[in-house]
Structures are given as structure tokens and as C-alpha cells.
Amino acid sequence: MAERALVSIVRRVPEQIEREYRLAWAELRAAAQQAGAKAWRFHSARDGSHFIEFLEYPAEADPRASPAVAAALDRLEQLVPGTLEEWHPASDKP
């Protein structure tokens, strides 16, 4: 099985720009899917302005190399700066 990688981004989205954020996220999701990645986002059950986004992809095919994904990420970052973290699979070996 090919190794996977994951990127998470946490953002606090002010209510007054949530519509713009949703549109920008839709652009990212579409671009990520075109690049062979999966894209998800969730909001906090306690605070609807607190979002976490995920990009999951084959480790050898980072979608951020795609111009469309890079542009969509830049748009989101300009709209609502976030905290990005990269993740790699944990070993299942004892």
C-alpha cells in the first residue's frame, strides 16, 4: 500500500467573511480533487467559527505542487490566515 501524507490547517473564520471562506474552500477542494487528493473540513461543535481543514494524498504526490491548489491555498491564507501542520503515518509496529 502506498504511503499517505496529511496536512491540517486550523483557522478562525469571522462570521462576516464566512461566505467568502466557504467559496474559497470549495475552490481548494475542487483543485485538490483534480490533483488526486482528498480534502475535508470540519467546524468545532463548541465554536462554529473554528475550522480544521485536511488535505490527504499519496506521499509522493503532494497536491500543493499543483498551481491550482497553490493558488487556492494562497487565497484562503490571504482571507483567513491559518496554522498548518504536516503529518506522516505512524508506525503500527509494536
PDB file of N, CA and C in Angstrom:
ATOM      1  N   MET A   1       0.841  -1.183   0.000  1.00  0.00           N
ATOM      2  CA  MET A   1       0.000   0.000   0.000  1.00  0.00           C
ATOM      3  C   MET A   1       0.887   1.248   0.000  1.00  0.00           C
ATOM      4  N   ALA A   2       0.557   2.217  -0.831  1.00  0.00           N
ATOM      5  CA  ALA A   2       1.349   3.444  -0.938  1.00  0.00           C
ATOM      6  C   ALA A   2       1.210   4.277   0.334  1.00  0.00           C
ATOM      7  N   GLU A   3       2.299   4.893   0.728  1.00  0.00           N
ATOM      8  CA  GLU A   3       2.270   5.745   1.919  1.00  0.00           C
ATOM      9  C   GLU A   3       1.473   7.011   1.638  1.00  0.00           C
ATOM     10  N   ARG A   4       0.742   7.462   2.651  1.00  0.00           N
ATOM     11  CA  ARG A   4      -0.086   8.649   2.535  1.00  0.00           C
ATOM     12  C   ARG A   4       0.505   9.760   3.395  1.00  0.00           C
ATOM     13  N   ALA A   5       0.121  10.972   3.109  1.00  0.00           N
ATOM     14  CA  ALA A   5       0.523  12.131   3.902  1.00  0.00           C
ATOM     15  C   ALA A   5      -0.721  12.977   4.151  1.00  0.00           C
ATOM     16  N   LEU A   6      -0.639  13.812   5.175  1.00  0.00           N
ATOM     17  CA  LEU A   6      -1.782  14.617   5.577  1.00  0.00           C
ATOM     18  C   LEU A   6      -1.288  16.004   5.974  1.00  0.00           C
ATOM     19  N   VAL A   7      -2.044  17.002   5.584  1.00  0.00           N
ATOM     20  CA  VAL A   7      -1.802  18.380   6.006  1.00  0.00           C
ATOM     21  C   VAL A   7      -3.065  18.830   6.726  1.00  0.00           C
ATOM     22  N   SER A   8      -2.892  19.452   7.876  1.00  0.00           N
ATOM     23  CA  SER A   8      -4.038  20.045   8.572  1.00  0.00           C
ATOM     24  C   SER A   8      -3.803  21.544   8.688  1.00  0.00           C
ATOM     25  N   ILE A   9      -4.891  22.285   8.604  1.00  0.00           N
ATOM     26  CA  ILE A   9      -4.836  23.744   8.758  1.00  0.00           C
ATOM     27  C   ILE A   9      -5.998  24.138   9.661  1.00  0.00           C
ATOM     28  N   VAL A  10      -5.683  24.892  10.699  1.00  0.00           N
ATOM     29  CA  VAL A  10      -6.697  25.377  11.632  1.00  0.00           C
ATOM     30  C   VAL A  10      -6.902  26.865  11.372  1.00  0.00           C
ATOM     31  N   ARG A  11      -8.168  27.265  11.264  1.00  0.00           N
ATOM     32  CA  ARG A  11      -8.497  28.675  11.011  1.00  0.00           C
ATOM     33  C   ARG A  11      -9.658  29.114  11.895  1.00  0.00           C
ATOM     34  N   ARG A  12      -9.627  30.357  12.287  1.00  0.00           N
ATOM     35  CA  ARG A  12     -10.777  31.015  12.941  1.00  0.00           C
ATOM     36  C   ARG A  12     -11.367  31.959  11.907  1.00  0.00           C
ATOM     37  N   VAL A  13     -12.599  31.695  11.517  1.00  0.00           N
ATOM     38  CA  VAL A  13     -13.241  32.419  10.429  1.00  0.00           C
ATOM     39  C   VAL A  13     -14.301  33.365  11.006  1.00  0.00           C
ATOM     40  N   PRO A  14     -14.070  34.666  10.915  1.00  0.00           N
ATOM     41  CA  PRO A  14     -15.084  35.613  11.395  1.00  0.00           C
ATOM     42  C   PRO A  14     -16.388  35.448  10.609  1.00  0.00           C
ATOM     43  N   GLU A  15     -17.489  35.576  11.303  1.00  0.00           N
ATOM     44  CA  GLU A  15     -18.805  35.374  10.695  1.00  0.00           C
ATOM     45  C   GLU A  15     -19.007  36.233   9.453  1.00  0.00           C
ATOM     46  N   GLN A  16     -18.498  37.462   9.469  1.00  0.00           N
ATOM     47  CA  GLN A  16     -18.739  38.374   8.349  1.00  0.00           C
ATOM     48  C   GLN A  16     -18.049  37.951   7.046  1.00  0.00           C
ATOM     49  N   ILE A  17     -17.085  37.036   7.111  1.00  0.00           N
ATOM     50  CA  ILE A  17     -16.450  36.566   5.870  1.00  0.00           C
ATOM     51  C   ILE A  17     -16.639  35.068   5.645  1.00  0.00           C
ATOM     52  N   GLU A  18     -17.565  34.463   6.396  1.00  0.00           N
ATOM     53  CA  GLU A  18     -17.756  33.018   6.266  1.00  0.00           C
ATOM     54  C   GLU A  18     -18.182  32.612   4.853  1.00  0.00           C
ATOM     55  N   ARG A  19     -19.016  33.405   4.209  1.00  0.00           N
ATOM     56  CA  ARG A  19     -19.442  33.071   2.839  1.00  0.00           C
ATOM     57  C   ARG A  19     -18.241  33.044   1.899  1.00  0.00           C
ATOM     58  N   GLU A  20     -17.385  34.051   1.986  1.00  0.00           N
ATOM     59  CA  GLU A  20     -16.175  34.081   1.150  1.00  0.00           C
ATOM     60  C   GLU A  20     -15.275  32.889   1.454  1.00  0.00           C
ATOM     61  N   TYR A  21     -15.176  32.554   2.738  1.00  0.00           N
ATOM     62  CA  TYR A  21     -14.369  31.398   3.141  1.00  0.00           C
ATOM     63  C   TYR A  21     -14.931  30.114   2.518  1.00  0.00           C
ATOM     64  N   ARG A  22     -16.255  29.927   2.595  1.00  0.00           N
ATOM     65  CA  ARG A  22     -16.857  28.722   2.021  1.00  0.00           C
ATOM     66  C   ARG A  22     -16.581  28.626   0.522  1.00  0.00           C
ATOM     67  N   LEU A  23     -16.664  29.749  -0.184  1.00  0.00           N
ATOM     68  CA  LEU A  23     -16.385  29.751  -1.627  1.00  0.00           C
ATOM     69  C   LEU A  23     -14.915  29.426  -1.895  1.00  0.00           C
ATOM     70  N   ALA A  24     -14.020  30.012  -1.120  1.00  0.00           N
ATOM     71  CA  ALA A  24     -12.587  29.740  -1.288  1.00  0.00           C
ATOM     72  C   ALA A  24     -12.280  28.282  -0.967  1.00  0.00           C
ATOM     73  N   TRP A  25     -12.938  27.738   0.054  1.00  0.00           N
ATOM     74  CA  TRP A  25     -12.724  26.331   0.399  1.00  0.00           C
ATOM     75  C   TRP A  25     -13.203  25.425  -0.733  1.00  0.00           C
ATOM     76  N   ALA A  26     -14.340  25.758  -1.337  1.00  0.00           N
ATOM     77  CA  ALA A  26     -14.858  24.955  -2.449  1.00  0.00           C
ATOM     78  C   ALA A  26     -13.863  24.932  -3.607  1.00  0.00           C
ATOM     79  N   GLU A  27     -13.209  26.053  -3.858  1.00  0.00           N
ATOM     80  CA  GLU A  27     -12.174  26.100  -4.899  1.00  0.00           C
ATOM     81  C   GLU A  27     -11.006  25.194  -4.542  1.00  0.00           C
ATOM     82  N   LEU A  28     -10.587  25.235  -3.285  1.00  0.00           N
ATOM     83  CA  LEU A  28      -9.486  24.369  -2.858  1.00  0.00           C
ATOM     84  C   LEU A  28      -9.871  22.905  -2.980  1.00  0.00           C
ATOM     85  N   ARG A  29     -11.055  22.552  -2.505  1.00  0.00           N
ATOM     86  CA  ARG A  29     -11.484  21.148  -2.565  1.00  0.00           C
ATOM     87  C   ARG A  29     -11.506  20.646  -4.010  1.00  0.00           C
ATOM     88  N   ALA A  30     -12.047  21.445  -4.920  1.00  0.00           N
ATOM     89  CA  ALA A  30     -12.105  21.032  -6.328  1.00  0.00           C
ATOM     90  C   ALA A  30     -10.702  20.877  -6.912  1.00  0.00           C
ATOM     91  N   ALA A  31      -9.821  21.833  -6.623  1.00  0.00           N
ATOM     92  CA  ALA A  31      -8.449  21.756  -7.140  1.00  0.00           C
ATOM     93  C   ALA A  31      -7.714  20.555  -6.547  1.00  0.00           C
ATOM     94  N   ALA A  32      -7.918  20.299  -5.256  1.00  0.00           N
ATOM     95  CA  ALA A  32      -7.262  19.162  -4.604  1.00  0.00           C
ATOM     96  C   ALA A  32      -7.742  17.843  -5.211  1.00  0.00           C
ATOM     97  N   GLN A  33      -9.037  17.730  -5.446  1.00  0.00           N
ATOM     98  CA  GLN A  33      -9.563  16.510  -6.050  1.00  0.00           C
ATOM     99  C   GLN A  33      -9.001  16.304  -7.447  1.00  0.00           C
ATOM    100  N   GLN A  34      -8.875  17.392  -8.218  1.00  0.00           N
ATOM    101  CA  GLN A  34      -8.272  17.298  -9.551  1.00  0.00           C
ATOM    102  C   GLN A  34      -6.827  16.832  -9.478  1.00  0.00           C
ATOM    103  N   ALA A  35      -6.155  17.162  -8.381  1.00  0.00           N
ATOM    104  CA  ALA A  35      -4.749  16.788  -8.197  1.00  0.00           C
ATOM    105  C   ALA A  35      -4.600  15.416  -7.536  1.00  0.00           C
ATOM    106  N   GLY A  36      -5.712  14.715  -7.310  1.00  0.00           N
ATOM    107  CA  GLY A  36      -5.650  13.366  -6.743  1.00  0.00           C
ATOM    108  C   GLY A  36      -5.641  13.312  -5.222  1.00  0.00           C
ATOM    109  N   ALA A  37      -6.001  14.402  -4.576  1.00  0.00           N
ATOM    110  CA  ALA A  37      -6.028  14.453  -3.114  1.00  0.00           C
ATOM    111  C   ALA A  37      -7.464  14.433  -2.608  1.00  0.00           C
ATOM    112  N   LYS A  38      -7.597  14.161  -1.329  1.00  0.00           N
ATOM    113  CA  LYS A  38      -8.892  14.269  -0.657  1.00  0.00           C
ATOM    114  C   LYS A  38      -8.831  15.501   0.225  1.00  0.00           C
ATOM    115  N   ALA A  39      -9.947  16.220   0.314  1.00  0.00           N
ATOM    116  CA  ALA A  39      -9.995  17.439   1.112  1.00  0.00           C
ATOM    117  C   ALA A  39     -11.259  17.421   1.970  1.00  0.00           C
ATOM    118  N   TRP A  40     -11.064  17.669   3.266  1.00  0.00           N
ATOM    119  CA  TRP A  40     -12.177  17.732   4.198  1.00  0.00           C
ATOM    120  C   TRP A  40     -12.032  18.954   5.073  1.00  0.00           C
ATOM    121  N   ARG A  41     -13.138  19.395   5.640  1.00  0.00           N
ATOM    122  CA  ARG A  41     -13.078  20.438   6.668  1.00  0.00           C
ATOM    123  C   ARG A  41     -14.193  20.179   7.670  1.00  0.00           C
ATOM    124  N   PHE A  42     -13.926  20.561   8.894  1.00  0.00           N
ATOM    125  CA  PHE A  42     -14.872  20.401   9.985  1.00  0.00           C
ATOM    126  C   PHE A  42     -14.882  21.696  10.783  1.00  0.00           C
ATOM    127  N   HIS A  43     -15.991  21.942  11.503  1.00  0.00           N
ATOM    128  CA  HIS A  43     -16.006  23.075  12.418  1.00  0.00           C
ATOM    129  C   HIS A  43     -16.231  22.544  13.824  1.00  0.00           C
ATOM    130  N   SER A  44     -15.778  23.289  14.780  1.00  0.00           N
ATOM    131  CA  SER A  44     -15.874  22.904  16.181  1.00  0.00           C
ATOM    132  C   SER A  44     -17.340  22.834  16.612  1.00  0.00           C
ATOM    133  N   ALA A  45     -17.654  21.855  17.417  1.00  0.00           N
ATOM    134  CA  ALA A  45     -19.004  21.741  17.967  1.00  0.00           C
ATOM    135  C   ALA A  45     -19.278  22.860  18.974  1.00  0.00           C
ATOM    136  N   ARG A  46     -18.226  23.381  19.593  1.00  0.00           N
ATOM    137  CA  ARG A  46     -18.385  24.451  20.588  1.00  0.00           C
ATOM    138  C   ARG A  46     -18.340  25.832  19.975  1.00  0.00           C
ATOM    139  N   ASP A  47     -17.563  25.979  18.901  1.00  0.00           N
ATOM    140  CA  ASP A  47     -17.332  27.308  18.333  1.00  0.00           C
ATOM    141  C   ASP A  47     -17.392  27.199  16.810  1.00  0.00           C
ATOM    142  N   GLY A  48     -18.507  27.613  16.228  1.00  0.00           N
ATOM    143  CA  GLY A  48     -18.718  27.478  14.785  1.00  0.00           C
ATOM    144  C   GLY A  48     -17.764  28.276  13.915  1.00  0.00           C
ATOM    145  N   SER A  49     -16.981  29.160  14.521  1.00  0.00           N
ATOM    146  CA  SER A  49     -16.007  29.929  13.733  1.00  0.00           C
ATOM    147  C   SER A  49     -14.635  29.258  13.692  1.00  0.00           C
ATOM    148  N   HIS A  50     -14.485  28.137  14.383  1.00  0.00           N
ATOM    149  CA  HIS A  50     -13.205  27.425  14.474  1.00  0.00           C
ATOM    150  C   HIS A  50     -13.255  26.227  13.518  1.00  0.00           C
ATOM    151  N   PHE A  51     -12.438  26.275  12.467  1.00  0.00           N
ATOM    152  CA  PHE A  51     -12.426  25.234  11.439  1.00  0.00           C
ATOM    153  C   PHE A  51     -11.091  24.503  11.428  1.00  0.00           C
ATOM    154  N   ILE A  52     -11.154  23.221  11.059  1.00  0.00           N
ATOM    155  CA  ILE A  52      -9.943  22.462  10.768  1.00  0.00           C
ATOM    156  C   ILE A  52     -10.129  21.851   9.382  1.00  0.00           C
ATOM    157  N   GLU A  53      -9.108  22.002   8.566  1.00  0.00           N
ATOM    158  CA  GLU A  53      -9.130  21.520   7.180  1.00  0.00           C
ATOM    159  C   GLU A  53      -8.072  20.434   7.032  1.00  0.00           C
ATOM    160  N   PHE A  54      -8.345  19.475   6.164  1.00  0.00           N
ATOM    161  CA  PHE A  54      -7.398  18.396   5.911  1.00  0.00           C
ATOM    162  C   PHE A  54      -7.211  18.201   4.412  1.00  0.00           C
ATOM    163  N   LEU A  55      -5.982  17.990   4.010  1.00  0.00           N
ATOM    164  CA  LEU A  55      -5.644  17.500   2.668  1.00  0.00           C
ATOM    165  C   LEU A  55      -4.924  16.180   2.873  1.00  0.00           C
ATOM    166  N   GLU A  56      -5.414  15.124   2.255  1.00  0.00           N
ATOM    167  CA  GLU A  56      -4.783  13.812   2.366  1.00  0.00           C
ATOM    168  C   GLU A  56      -4.436  13.343   0.957  1.00  0.00           C
ATOM    169  N   TYR A  57      -3.224  12.773   0.816  1.00  0.00           N
ATOM    170  CA  TYR A  57      -2.744  12.475  -0.523  1.00  0.00           C
ATOM    171  C   TYR A  57      -1.632  11.428  -0.468  1.00  0.00           C
ATOM    172  N   PRO A  58      -1.336  10.792  -1.624  1.00  0.00           N
ATOM    173  CA  PRO A  58      -0.184   9.894  -1.678  1.00  0.00           C
ATOM    174  C   PRO A  58       1.089  10.694  -1.382  1.00  0.00           C
ATOM    175  N   ALA A  59       1.938  10.165  -0.530  1.00  0.00           N
ATOM    176  CA  ALA A  59       3.124  10.905  -0.084  1.00  0.00           C
ATOM    177  C   ALA A  59       3.983  11.389  -1.253  1.00  0.00           C
ATOM    178  N   GLU A  60       3.985  10.656  -2.345  1.00  0.00           N
ATOM    179  CA  GLU A  60       4.826  11.039  -3.476  1.00  0.00           C
ATOM    180  C   GLU A  60       4.152  12.044  -4.415  1.00  0.00           C
ATOM    181  N   ALA A  61       2.940  12.474  -4.092  1.00  0.00           N
ATOM    182  CA  ALA A  61       2.196  13.371  -4.992  1.00  0.00           C
ATOM    183  C   ALA A  61       1.533  14.500  -4.206  1.00  0.00           C
ATOM    184  N   ASP A  62       2.328  15.363  -3.625  1.00  0.00           N
ATOM    185  CA  ASP A  62       1.805  16.473  -2.834  1.00  0.00           C
ATOM    186  C   ASP A  62       1.001  17.411  -3.738  1.00  0.00           C
ATOM    187  N   PRO A  63      -0.292  17.584  -3.475  1.00  0.00           N
ATOM    188  CA  PRO A  63      -1.122  18.417  -4.355  1.00  0.00           C
ATOM    189  C   PRO A  63      -0.732  19.891  -4.313  1.00  0.00           C
ATOM    190  N   ARG A  64       0.018  20.303  -3.303  1.00  0.00           N
ATOM    191  CA  ARG A  64       0.415  21.710  -3.212  1.00  0.00           C
ATOM    192  C   ARG A  64       1.382  22.093  -4.324  1.00  0.00           C
ATOM    193  N   ALA A  65       1.906  21.111  -5.056  1.00  0.00           N
ATOM    194  CA  ALA A  65       2.739  21.389  -6.225  1.00  0.00           C
ATOM    195  C   ALA A  65       1.892  21.824  -7.426  1.00  0.00           C
ATOM    196  N   SER A  66       0.595  21.572  -7.365  1.00  0.00           N
ATOM    197  CA  SER A  66      -0.319  21.977  -8.439  1.00  0.00           C
ATOM    198  C   SER A  66      -0.547  23.484  -8.364  1.00  0.00           C
ATOM    199  N   PRO A  67      -0.411  24.197  -9.482  1.00  0.00           N
ATOM    200  CA  PRO A  67      -0.667  25.639  -9.463  1.00  0.00           C
ATOM    201  C   PRO A  67      -2.072  25.994  -8.963  1.00  0.00           C
ATOM    202  N   ALA A  68      -3.071  25.192  -9.317  1.00  0.00           N
ATOM    203  CA  ALA A  68      -4.446  25.485  -8.895  1.00  0.00           C
ATOM    204  C   ALA A  68      -4.602  25.315  -7.377  1.00  0.00           C
ATOM    205  N   VAL A  69      -4.002  24.274  -6.816  1.00  0.00           N
ATOM    206  CA  VAL A  69      -4.070  24.051  -5.364  1.00  0.00           C
ATOM    207  C   VAL A  69      -3.294  25.141  -4.636  1.00  0.00           C
ATOM    208  N   ALA A  70      -2.103  25.454  -5.134  1.00  0.00           N
ATOM    209  CA  ALA A  70      -1.294  26.507  -4.503  1.00  0.00           C
ATOM    210  C   ALA A  70      -2.034  27.842  -4.503  1.00  0.00           C
ATOM    211  N   ALA A  71      -2.692  28.170  -5.617  1.00  0.00           N
ATOM    212  CA  ALA A  71      -3.434  29.430  -5.704  1.00  0.00           C
ATOM    213  C   ALA A  71      -4.618  29.429  -4.738  1.00  0.00           C
ATOM    214  N   ALA A  72      -5.327  28.308  -4.642  1.00  0.00           N
ATOM    215  CA  ALA A  72      -6.472  28.221  -3.736  1.00  0.00           C
ATOM    216  C   ALA A  72      -6.016  28.330  -2.277  1.00  0.00           C
ATOM    217  N   LEU A  73      -4.905  27.689  -1.937  1.00  0.00           N
ATOM    218  CA  LEU A  73      -4.366  27.801  -0.584  1.00  0.00           C
ATOM    219  C   LEU A  73      -3.937  29.239  -0.278  1.00  0.00           C
ATOM    220  N   ASP A  74      -3.326  29.881  -1.252  1.00  0.00           N
ATOM    221  CA  ASP A  74      -2.917  31.286  -1.069  1.00  0.00           C
ATOM    222  C   ASP A  74      -4.140  32.174  -0.837  1.00  0.00           C
ATOM    223  N   ARG A  75      -5.194  31.934  -1.597  1.00  0.00           N
ATOM    224  CA  ARG A  75      -6.414  32.741  -1.429  1.00  0.00           C
ATOM    225  C   ARG A  75      -6.984  32.563  -0.022  1.00  0.00           C
ATOM    226  N   LEU A  76      -7.057  31.308   0.433  1.00  0.00           N
ATOM    227  CA  LEU A  76      -7.548  31.055   1.785  1.00  0.00           C
ATOM    228  C   LEU A  76      -6.654  31.722   2.832  1.00  0.00           C
ATOM    229  N   GLU A  77      -5.358  31.625   2.630  1.00  0.00           N
ATOM    230  CA  GLU A  77      -4.412  32.192   3.596  1.00  0.00           C
ATOM    231  C   GLU A  77      -4.530  33.713   3.654  1.00  0.00           C
ATOM    232  N   GLN A  78      -4.763  34.350   2.511  1.00  0.00           N
ATOM    233  CA  GLN A  78      -4.948  35.802   2.487  1.00  0.00           C
ATOM    234  C   GLN A  78      -6.269  36.201   3.143  1.00  0.00           C
ATOM    235  N   LEU A  79      -7.280  35.361   2.954  1.00  0.00           N
ATOM    236  CA  LEU A  79      -8.600  35.639   3.518  1.00  0.00           C
ATOM    237  C   LEU A  79      -8.605  35.430   5.032  1.00  0.00           C
ATOM    238  N   VAL A  80      -8.094  34.277   5.461  1.00  0.00           N
ATOM    239  CA  VAL A  80      -8.067  33.910   6.885  1.00  0.00           C
ATOM    240  C   VAL A  80      -6.784  33.125   7.156  1.00  0.00           C
ATOM    241  N   PRO A  81      -5.751  33.760   7.668  1.00  0.00           N
ATOM    242  CA  PRO A  81      -4.514  33.032   7.955  1.00  0.00           C
ATOM    243  C   PRO A  81      -4.774  31.849   8.893  1.00  0.00           C
ATOM    244  N   GLY A  82      -4.076  30.765   8.629  1.00  0.00           N
ATOM    245  CA  GLY A  82      -4.246  29.558   9.433  1.00  0.00           C
ATOM    246  C   GLY A  82      -2.924  29.011   9.916  1.00  0.00           C
ATOM    247  N   THR A  83      -3.008  27.978  10.736  1.00  0.00           N
ATOM    248  CA  THR A  83      -1.830  27.284  11.251  1.00  0.00           C
ATOM    249  C   THR A  83      -1.768  25.921  10.588  1.00  0.00           C
ATOM    250  N   LEU A  84      -0.720  25.700   9.808  1.00  0.00           N
ATOM    251  CA  LEU A  84      -0.558  24.480   9.027  1.00  0.00           C
ATOM    252  C   LEU A  84       0.361  23.514   9.751  1.00  0.00           C
ATOM    253  N   GLU A  85       0.011  22.233   9.679  1.00  0.00           N
ATOM    254  CA  GLU A  85       0.881  21.184  10.208  1.00  0.00           C
ATOM    255  C   GLU A  85       0.871  20.014   9.238  1.00  0.00           C
ATOM    256  N   GLU A  86       2.055  19.433   9.008  1.00  0.00           N
ATOM    257  CA  GLU A  86       2.178  18.267   8.133  1.00  0.00           C
ATOM    258  C   GLU A  86       2.260  17.007   8.986  1.00  0.00           C
ATOM    259  N   TRP A  87       1.635  15.932   8.504  1.00  0.00           N
ATOM    260  CA  TRP A  87       1.553  14.680   9.236  1.00  0.00           C
ATOM    261  C   TRP A  87       2.002  13.524   8.342  1.00  0.00           C
ATOM    262  N   HIS A  88       2.632  12.536   8.959  1.00  0.00           N
ATOM    263  CA  HIS A  88       3.050  11.321   8.259  1.00  0.00           C
ATOM    264  C   HIS A  88       2.505  10.124   9.034  1.00  0.00           C
ATOM    265  N   PRO A  89       2.314   9.001   8.361  1.00  0.00           N
ATOM    266  CA  PRO A  89       1.739   7.833   9.033  1.00  0.00           C
ATOM    267  C   PRO A  89       2.592   7.395  10.230  1.00  0.00           C
ATOM    268  N   ALA A  90       1.901   7.025  11.291  1.00  0.00           N
ATOM    269  CA  ALA A  90       2.580   6.477  12.455  1.00  0.00           C
ATOM    270  C   ALA A  90       2.770   4.980  12.224  1.00  0.00           C
ATOM    271  N   SER A  91       3.837   4.454  12.733  1.00  0.00           N
ATOM    272  CA  SER A  91       4.118   3.033  12.589  1.00  0.00           C
ATOM    273  C   SER A  91       3.130   2.214  13.434  1.00  0.00           C
ATOM    274  N   ASP A  92       2.632   1.129  12.850  1.00  0.00           N
ATOM    275  CA  ASP A  92       1.751   0.232  13.594  1.00  0.00           C
ATOM    276  C   ASP A  92       2.544  -0.873  14.272  1.00  0.00           C
ATOM    277  N   LYS A  93       3.862  -0.843  14.115  1.00  0.00           N
ATOM    278  CA  LYS A  93       4.697  -1.876  14.724  1.00  0.00           C
ATOM    279  C   LYS A  93       4.812  -1.636  16.213  1.00  0.00           C
ATOM    280  N   PRO A  94       4.695  -2.710  17.006  1.00  0.00           N
ATOM    281  CA  PRO A  94       4.808  -2.569  18.471  1.00  0.00           C
ATOM    282  C   PRO A  94       6.209  -2.182  18.910  1.00  0.00           C
TER     283      PRO A  94
END
